[in-house]
Amino acid sequence: MTIKLNPETEERLVGSIQRYFTASMDESIGELKARLLLDFCVKELGPSIYNQAIVDAQSVLQEKVAELDVSCYEAEFTYWNKK
């Protein structure tokens, strides 16, 4: 699955990369270089981060499914016990 950022997110990330270089490396970086760095990060790092997010989401969902029998349990044959 190809990771595709929406244009607004991409613009914000490019700006963030530029600010990072200015603040942390005392060097300014142009929009083109920032965009190329972002593209590299998305292609190289993105799949690993995405895959880990899927593993984390599966783990949370499996925990929730395991709790279904407790949280959604309803006692049976209780009508006559109430009278």
PDB file of N, CA and C in Angstrom:
ATOM      1  N   MET A   1       0.842  -1.177   0.000  1.00  0.00           N
ATOM      2  CA  MET A   1       0.000   0.000   0.000  1.00  0.00           C
ATOM      3  C   MET A   1       0.891   1.246   0.000  1.00  0.00           C
ATOM      4  N   THR A   2       0.679   2.122  -0.930  1.00  0.00           N
ATOM      5  CA  THR A   2       1.439   3.362  -1.022  1.00  0.00           C
ATOM      6  C   THR A   2       0.879   4.381  -0.045  1.00  0.00           C
ATOM      7  N   ILE A   3       1.749   5.017   0.707  1.00  0.00           N
ATOM      8  CA  ILE A   3       1.323   6.056   1.637  1.00  0.00           C
ATOM      9  C   ILE A   3       1.251   7.368   0.883  1.00  0.00           C
ATOM     10  N   LYS A   4       0.095   7.975   0.881  1.00  0.00           N
ATOM     11  CA  LYS A   4      -0.112   9.248   0.181  1.00  0.00           C
ATOM     12  C   LYS A   4      -0.656  10.256   1.174  1.00  0.00           C
ATOM     13  N   LEU A   5       0.067  11.335   1.331  1.00  0.00           N
ATOM     14  CA  LEU A   5      -0.366  12.407   2.224  1.00  0.00           C
ATOM     15  C   LEU A   5      -1.295  13.347   1.473  1.00  0.00           C
ATOM     16  N   ASN A   6      -2.269  13.893   2.191  1.00  0.00           N
ATOM     17  CA  ASN A   6      -3.109  14.881   1.516  1.00  0.00           C
ATOM     18  C   ASN A   6      -2.303  16.174   1.368  1.00  0.00           C
ATOM     19  N   PRO A   7      -2.630  17.002   0.393  1.00  0.00           N
ATOM     20  CA  PRO A   7      -1.821  18.193   0.093  1.00  0.00           C
ATOM     21  C   PRO A   7      -1.639  19.141   1.283  1.00  0.00           C
ATOM     22  N   GLU A   8      -2.671  19.319   2.091  1.00  0.00           N
ATOM     23  CA  GLU A   8      -2.555  20.219   3.245  1.00  0.00           C
ATOM     24  C   GLU A   8      -1.544  19.689   4.255  1.00  0.00           C
ATOM     25  N   THR A   9      -1.601  18.390   4.520  1.00  0.00           N
ATOM     26  CA  THR A   9      -0.651  17.775   5.450  1.00  0.00           C
ATOM     27  C   THR A   9       0.763  17.873   4.902  1.00  0.00           C
ATOM     28  N   GLU A  10       0.916  17.623   3.621  1.00  0.00           N
ATOM     29  CA  GLU A  10       2.238  17.705   2.991  1.00  0.00           C
ATOM     30  C   GLU A  10       2.817  19.112   3.121  1.00  0.00           C
ATOM     31  N   GLU A  11       2.008  20.121   2.884  1.00  0.00           N
ATOM     32  CA  GLU A  11       2.478  21.509   3.001  1.00  0.00           C
ATOM     33  C   GLU A  11       2.904  21.824   4.433  1.00  0.00           C
ATOM     34  N   ARG A  12       2.100  21.371   5.388  1.00  0.00           N
ATOM     35  CA  ARG A  12       2.445  21.622   6.795  1.00  0.00           C
ATOM     36  C   ARG A  12       3.736  20.912   7.180  1.00  0.00           C
ATOM     37  N   LEU A  13       3.930  19.698   6.675  1.00  0.00           N
ATOM     38  CA  LEU A  13       5.152  18.962   6.983  1.00  0.00           C
ATOM     39  C   LEU A  13       6.377  19.607   6.346  1.00  0.00           C
ATOM     40  N   VAL A  14       6.238  20.086   5.135  1.00  0.00           N
ATOM     41  CA  VAL A  14       7.351  20.789   4.477  1.00  0.00           C
ATOM     42  C   VAL A  14       7.733  22.007   5.313  1.00  0.00           C
ATOM     43  N   GLY A  15       6.753  22.757   5.750  1.00  0.00           N
ATOM     44  CA  GLY A  15       7.031  23.916   6.607  1.00  0.00           C
ATOM     45  C   GLY A  15       7.678  23.510   7.914  1.00  0.00           C
ATOM     46  N   SER A  16       7.235  22.399   8.477  1.00  0.00           N
ATOM     47  CA  SER A  16       7.804  21.916   9.726  1.00  0.00           C
ATOM     48  C   SER A  16       9.261  21.506   9.554  1.00  0.00           C
ATOM     49  N   ILE A  17       9.573  20.850   8.447  1.00  0.00           N
ATOM     50  CA  ILE A  17      10.961  20.475   8.156  1.00  0.00           C
ATOM     51  C   ILE A  17      11.819  21.722   8.019  1.00  0.00           C
ATOM     52  N   GLN A  18      11.312  22.723   7.330  1.00  0.00           N
ATOM     53  CA  GLN A  18      12.070  23.970   7.168  1.00  0.00           C
ATOM     54  C   GLN A  18      12.321  24.633   8.524  1.00  0.00           C
ATOM     55  N   ARG A  19      11.303  24.667   9.363  1.00  0.00           N
ATOM     56  CA  ARG A  19      11.464  25.258  10.702  1.00  0.00           C
ATOM     57  C   ARG A  19      12.451  24.448  11.533  1.00  0.00           C
ATOM     58  N   TYR A  20      12.393  23.125  11.419  1.00  0.00           N
ATOM     59  CA  TYR A  20      13.314  22.272  12.167  1.00  0.00           C
ATOM     60  C   TYR A  20      14.763  22.573  11.794  1.00  0.00           C
ATOM     61  N   PHE A  21      15.041  22.654  10.512  1.00  0.00           N
ATOM     62  CA  PHE A  21      16.404  22.948  10.079  1.00  0.00           C
ATOM     63  C   PHE A  21      16.868  24.304  10.580  1.00  0.00           C
ATOM     64  N   THR A  22      15.996  25.278  10.535  1.00  0.00           N
ATOM     65  CA  THR A  22      16.355  26.620  10.994  1.00  0.00           C
ATOM     66  C   THR A  22      16.619  26.622  12.498  1.00  0.00           C
ATOM     67  N   ALA A  23      15.739  25.986  13.262  1.00  0.00           N
ATOM     68  CA  ALA A  23      15.851  26.017  14.720  1.00  0.00           C
ATOM     69  C   ALA A  23      16.924  25.073  15.265  1.00  0.00           C
ATOM     70  N   SER A  24      17.060  23.904  14.686  1.00  0.00           N
ATOM     71  CA  SER A  24      17.941  22.893  15.270  1.00  0.00           C
ATOM     72  C   SER A  24      19.308  22.793  14.620  1.00  0.00           C
ATOM     73  N   MET A  25      19.411  23.230  13.388  1.00  0.00           N
ATOM     74  CA  MET A  25      20.677  23.064  12.683  1.00  0.00           C
ATOM     75  C   MET A  25      21.278  24.390  12.266  1.00  0.00           C
ATOM     76  N   ASP A  26      20.637  25.471  12.684  1.00  0.00           N
ATOM     77  CA  ASP A  26      21.106  26.814  12.323  1.00  0.00           C
ATOM     78  C   ASP A  26      21.391  26.933  10.833  1.00  0.00           C
ATOM     79  N   GLU A  27      20.527  26.352  10.053  1.00  0.00           N
ATOM     80  CA  GLU A  27      20.682  26.352   8.606  1.00  0.00           C
ATOM     81  C   GLU A  27      19.283  26.372   7.994  1.00  0.00           C
ATOM     82  N   SER A  28      19.127  27.190   6.992  1.00  0.00           N
ATOM     83  CA  SER A  28      17.810  27.178   6.351  1.00  0.00           C
ATOM     84  C   SER A  28      17.825  26.175   5.200  1.00  0.00           C
ATOM     85  N   ILE A  29      16.658  25.663   4.917  1.00  0.00           N
ATOM     86  CA  ILE A  29      16.512  24.670   3.857  1.00  0.00           C
ATOM     87  C   ILE A  29      15.362  25.143   2.973  1.00  0.00           C
ATOM     88  N   GLY A  30      15.546  25.060   1.691  1.00  0.00           N
ATOM     89  CA  GLY A  30      14.524  25.518   0.756  1.00  0.00           C
ATOM     90  C   GLY A  30      13.356  24.546   0.675  1.00  0.00           C
ATOM     91  N   GLU A  31      12.298  24.995   0.034  1.00  0.00           N
ATOM     92  CA  GLU A  31      11.098  24.171  -0.087  1.00  0.00           C
ATOM     93  C   GLU A  31      11.372  22.887  -0.866  1.00  0.00           C
ATOM     94  N   LEU A  32      12.140  22.976  -1.945  1.00  0.00           N
ATOM     95  CA  LEU A  32      12.429  21.792  -2.745  1.00  0.00           C
ATOM     96  C   LEU A  32      13.181  20.736  -1.935  1.00  0.00           C
ATOM     97  N   LYS A  33      14.223  21.158  -1.215  1.00  0.00           N
ATOM     98  CA  LYS A  33      14.979  20.209  -0.395  1.00  0.00           C
ATOM     99  C   LYS A  33      14.118  19.628   0.717  1.00  0.00           C
ATOM    100  N   ALA A  34      13.285  20.464   1.315  1.00  0.00           N
ATOM    101  CA  ALA A  34      12.393  19.981   2.372  1.00  0.00           C
ATOM    102  C   ALA A  34      11.401  18.968   1.802  1.00  0.00           C
ATOM    103  N   ARG A  35      10.894  19.239   0.624  1.00  0.00           N
ATOM    104  CA  ARG A  35       9.935  18.332  -0.027  1.00  0.00           C
ATOM    105  C   ARG A  35      10.616  17.002  -0.390  1.00  0.00           C
ATOM    106  N   LEU A  36      11.849  17.069  -0.868  1.00  0.00           N
ATOM    107  CA  LEU A  36      12.594  15.842  -1.191  1.00  0.00           C
ATOM    108  C   LEU A  36      12.881  15.027   0.064  1.00  0.00           C
ATOM    109  N   LEU A  37      13.228  15.698   1.156  1.00  0.00           N
ATOM    110  CA  LEU A  37      13.464  15.006   2.418  1.00  0.00           C
ATOM    111  C   LEU A  37      12.174  14.356   2.914  1.00  0.00           C
ATOM    112  N   LEU A  38      11.074  15.076   2.821  1.00  0.00           N
ATOM    113  CA  LEU A  38       9.783  14.525   3.219  1.00  0.00           C
ATOM    114  C   LEU A  38       9.444  13.297   2.373  1.00  0.00           C
ATOM    115  N   ASP A  39       9.643  13.396   1.070  1.00  0.00           N
ATOM    116  CA  ASP A  39       9.360  12.268   0.174  1.00  0.00           C
ATOM    117  C   ASP A  39      10.196  11.050   0.564  1.00  0.00           C
ATOM    118  N   PHE A  40      11.469  11.274   0.859  1.00  0.00           N
ATOM    119  CA  PHE A  40      12.343  10.184   1.290  1.00  0.00           C
ATOM    120  C   PHE A  40      11.821   9.557   2.586  1.00  0.00           C
ATOM    121  N   CYS A  41      11.476  10.388   3.559  1.00  0.00           N
ATOM    122  CA  CYS A  41      10.996   9.883   4.851  1.00  0.00           C
ATOM    123  C   CYS A  41       9.709   9.085   4.689  1.00  0.00           C
ATOM    124  N   VAL A  42       8.794   9.598   3.887  1.00  0.00           N
ATOM    125  CA  VAL A  42       7.530   8.891   3.681  1.00  0.00           C
ATOM    126  C   VAL A  42       7.777   7.541   3.013  1.00  0.00           C
ATOM    127  N   LYS A  43       8.642   7.510   2.022  1.00  0.00           N
ATOM    128  CA  LYS A  43       8.907   6.257   1.304  1.00  0.00           C
ATOM    129  C   LYS A  43       9.756   5.279   2.113  1.00  0.00           C
ATOM    130  N   GLU A  44      10.711   5.793   2.867  1.00  0.00           N
ATOM    131  CA  GLU A  44      11.646   4.922   3.577  1.00  0.00           C
ATOM    132  C   GLU A  44      11.172   4.581   4.990  1.00  0.00           C
ATOM    133  N   LEU A  45      10.676   5.557   5.720  1.00  0.00           N
ATOM    134  CA  LEU A  45      10.265   5.346   7.103  1.00  0.00           C
ATOM    135  C   LEU A  45       8.772   5.049   7.235  1.00  0.00           C
ATOM    136  N   GLY A  46       7.996   5.621   6.338  1.00  0.00           N
ATOM    137  CA  GLY A  46       6.543   5.521   6.414  1.00  0.00           C
ATOM    138  C   GLY A  46       6.010   4.105   6.529  1.00  0.00           C
ATOM    139  N   PRO A  47       6.445   3.173   5.676  1.00  0.00           N
ATOM    140  CA  PRO A  47       5.905   1.814   5.767  1.00  0.00           C
ATOM    141  C   PRO A  47       6.159   1.152   7.125  1.00  0.00           C
ATOM    142  N   SER A  48       7.324   1.362   7.711  1.00  0.00           N
ATOM    143  CA  SER A  48       7.609   0.777   9.026  1.00  0.00           C
ATOM    144  C   SER A  48       6.697   1.366  10.096  1.00  0.00           C
ATOM    145  N   ILE A  49       6.505   2.661  10.056  1.00  0.00           N
ATOM    146  CA  ILE A  49       5.629   3.322  11.025  1.00  0.00           C
ATOM    147  C   ILE A  49       4.185   2.882  10.807  1.00  0.00           C
ATOM    148  N   TYR A  50       3.769   2.818   9.559  1.00  0.00           N
ATOM    149  CA  TYR A  50       2.409   2.389   9.216  1.00  0.00           C
ATOM    150  C   TYR A  50       2.170   0.960   9.696  1.00  0.00           C
ATOM    151  N   ASN A  51       3.107   0.067   9.418  1.00  0.00           N
ATOM    152  CA  ASN A  51       2.960  -1.331   9.825  1.00  0.00           C
ATOM    153  C   ASN A  51       2.876  -1.464  11.344  1.00  0.00           C
ATOM    154  N   GLN A  52       3.688  -0.691  12.064  1.00  0.00           N
ATOM    155  CA  GLN A  52       3.636  -0.729  13.525  1.00  0.00           C
ATOM    156  C   GLN A  52       2.299  -0.206  14.029  1.00  0.00           C
ATOM    157  N   ALA A  53       1.768   0.817  13.382  1.00  0.00           N
ATOM    158  CA  ALA A  53       0.459   1.346  13.763  1.00  0.00           C
ATOM    159  C   ALA A  53      -0.627   0.295  13.574  1.00  0.00           C
ATOM    160  N   ILE A  54      -0.535  -0.479  12.507  1.00  0.00           N
ATOM    161  CA  ILE A  54      -1.502  -1.544  12.265  1.00  0.00           C
ATOM    162  C   ILE A  54      -1.392  -2.619  13.350  1.00  0.00           C
ATOM    163  N   VAL A  55      -0.171  -2.994  13.710  1.00  0.00           N
ATOM    164  CA  VAL A  55       0.035  -3.981  14.781  1.00  0.00           C
ATOM    165  C   VAL A  55      -0.557  -3.458  16.092  1.00  0.00           C
ATOM    166  N   ASP A  56      -0.319  -2.193  16.398  1.00  0.00           N
ATOM    167  CA  ASP A  56      -0.852  -1.597  17.619  1.00  0.00           C
ATOM    168  C   ASP A  56      -2.382  -1.584  17.597  1.00  0.00           C
ATOM    169  N   ALA A  57      -2.968  -1.218  16.460  1.00  0.00           N
ATOM    170  CA  ALA A  57      -4.423  -1.185  16.336  1.00  0.00           C
ATOM    171  C   ALA A  57      -5.003  -2.592  16.479  1.00  0.00           C
ATOM    172  N   GLN A  58      -4.372  -3.583  15.880  1.00  0.00           N
ATOM    173  CA  GLN A  58      -4.836  -4.965  16.004  1.00  0.00           C
ATOM    174  C   GLN A  58      -4.800  -5.414  17.461  1.00  0.00           C
ATOM    175  N   SER A  59      -3.753  -5.044  18.169  1.00  0.00           N
ATOM    176  CA  SER A  59      -3.616  -5.424  19.571  1.00  0.00           C
ATOM    177  C   SER A  59      -4.748  -4.830  20.407  1.00  0.00           C
ATOM    178  N   VAL A  60      -5.044  -3.560  20.188  1.00  0.00           N
ATOM    179  CA  VAL A  60      -6.127  -2.904  20.923  1.00  0.00           C
ATOM    180  C   VAL A  60      -7.461  -3.563  20.596  1.00  0.00           C
ATOM    181  N   LEU A  61      -7.696  -3.825  19.322  1.00  0.00           N
ATOM    182  CA  LEU A  61      -8.954  -4.467  18.928  1.00  0.00           C
ATOM    183  C   LEU A  61      -9.078  -5.877  19.498  1.00  0.00           C
ATOM    184  N   GLN A  62      -7.989  -6.626  19.515  1.00  0.00           N
ATOM    185  CA  GLN A  62      -8.032  -7.976  20.080  1.00  0.00           C
ATOM    186  C   GLN A  62      -8.348  -7.936  21.571  1.00  0.00           C
ATOM    187  N   GLU A  63      -7.810  -6.941  22.280  1.00  0.00           N
ATOM    188  CA  GLU A  63      -8.128  -6.780  23.701  1.00  0.00           C
ATOM    189  C   GLU A  63      -9.610  -6.485  23.889  1.00  0.00           C
ATOM    190  N   LYS A  64     -10.150  -5.614  23.051  1.00  0.00           N
ATOM    191  CA  LYS A  64     -11.568  -5.265  23.140  1.00  0.00           C
ATOM    192  C   LYS A  64     -12.450  -6.468  22.827  1.00  0.00           C
ATOM    193  N   VAL A  65     -12.089  -7.238  21.819  1.00  0.00           N
ATOM    194  CA  VAL A  65     -12.859  -8.434  21.463  1.00  0.00           C
ATOM    195  C   VAL A  65     -12.798  -9.449  22.608  1.00  0.00           C
ATOM    196  N   ALA A  66     -11.652  -9.583  23.243  1.00  0.00           N
ATOM    197  CA  ALA A  66     -11.514 -10.521  24.355  1.00  0.00           C
ATOM    198  C   ALA A  66     -12.403 -10.125  25.531  1.00  0.00           C
ATOM    199  N   GLU A  67     -12.702  -8.848  25.677  1.00  0.00           N
ATOM    200  CA  GLU A  67     -13.546  -8.359  26.767  1.00  0.00           C
ATOM    201  C   GLU A  67     -15.036  -8.466  26.458  1.00  0.00           C
ATOM    202  N   LEU A  68     -15.401  -8.801  25.228  1.00  0.00           N
ATOM    203  CA  LEU A  68     -16.812  -8.846  24.848  1.00  0.00           C
ATOM    204  C   LEU A  68     -17.624  -9.801  25.711  1.00  0.00           C
ATOM    205  N   ASP A  69     -17.076 -10.956  25.996  1.00  0.00           N
ATOM    206  CA  ASP A  69     -17.843 -11.923  26.781  1.00  0.00           C
ATOM    207  C   ASP A  69     -18.140 -11.427  28.191  1.00  0.00           C
ATOM    208  N   VAL A  70     -17.306 -10.564  28.724  1.00  0.00           N
ATOM    209  CA  VAL A  70     -17.533 -10.005  30.054  1.00  0.00           C
ATOM    210  C   VAL A  70     -18.430  -8.779  29.986  1.00  0.00           C
ATOM    211  N   SER A  71     -18.110  -7.853  29.122  1.00  0.00           N
ATOM    212  CA  SER A  71     -18.850  -6.593  29.075  1.00  0.00           C
ATOM    213  C   SER A  71     -20.213  -6.723  28.406  1.00  0.00           C
ATOM    214  N   CYS A  72     -20.401  -7.692  27.580  1.00  0.00           N
ATOM    215  CA  CYS A  72     -21.677  -7.845  26.871  1.00  0.00           C
ATOM    216  C   CYS A  72     -22.449  -9.081  27.321  1.00  0.00           C
ATOM    217  N   TYR A  73     -22.034  -9.686  28.399  1.00  0.00           N
ATOM    218  CA  TYR A  73     -22.701 -10.897  28.871  1.00  0.00           C
ATOM    219  C   TYR A  73     -24.025 -10.538  29.536  1.00  0.00           C
ATOM    220  N   GLU A  74     -25.020 -11.314  29.283  1.00  0.00           N
ATOM    221  CA  GLU A  74     -26.330 -11.140  29.913  1.00  0.00           C
ATOM    222  C   GLU A  74     -26.737 -12.488  30.497  1.00  0.00           C
ATOM    223  N   ALA A  75     -27.080 -12.480  31.759  1.00  0.00           N
ATOM    224  CA  ALA A  75     -27.485 -13.716  32.417  1.00  0.00           C
ATOM    225  C   ALA A  75     -28.754 -14.265  31.755  1.00  0.00           C
ATOM    226  N   GLU A  76     -28.813 -15.559  31.658  1.00  0.00           N
ATOM    227  CA  GLU A  76     -29.945 -16.215  31.010  1.00  0.00           C
ATOM    228  C   GLU A  76     -30.921 -16.774  32.045  1.00  0.00           C
ATOM    229  N   PHE A  77     -32.129 -16.952  31.622  1.00  0.00           N
ATOM    230  CA  PHE A  77     -33.168 -17.603  32.416  1.00  0.00           C
ATOM    231  C   PHE A  77     -33.353 -16.954  33.794  1.00  0.00           C
ATOM    232  N   THR A  78     -33.466 -15.648  33.811  1.00  0.00           N
ATOM    233  CA  THR A  78     -33.601 -14.925  35.079  1.00  0.00           C
ATOM    234  C   THR A  78     -35.025 -14.452  35.357  1.00  0.00           C
ATOM    235  N   TYR A  79     -35.950 -14.716  34.461  1.00  0.00           N
ATOM    236  CA  TYR A  79     -37.298 -14.202  34.629  1.00  0.00           C
ATOM    237  C   TYR A  79     -37.917 -14.667  35.948  1.00  0.00           C
ATOM    238  N   TRP A  80     -37.812 -15.961  36.240  1.00  0.00           N
ATOM    239  CA  TRP A  80     -38.467 -16.505  37.428  1.00  0.00           C
ATOM    240  C   TRP A  80     -37.715 -16.124  38.700  1.00  0.00           C
ATOM    241  N   ASN A  81     -36.453 -15.761  38.600  1.00  0.00           N
ATOM    242  CA  ASN A  81     -35.702 -15.342  39.780  1.00  0.00           C
ATOM    243  C   ASN A  81     -36.135 -13.973  40.275  1.00  0.00           C
ATOM    244  N   LYS A  82     -36.715 -13.163  39.397  1.00  0.00           N
ATOM    245  CA  LYS A  82     -37.125 -11.807  39.745  1.00  0.00           C
ATOM    246  C   LYS A  82     -38.462 -11.772  40.476  1.00  0.00           C
ATOM    247  N   LYS A  83     -39.274 -12.802  40.371  1.00  0.00           N
ATOM    248  CA  LYS A  83     -40.617 -12.807  40.976  1.00  0.00           C
ATOM    249  C   LYS A  83     -40.615 -13.258  42.397  1.00  0.00           C
TER     250      LYS A  83
END
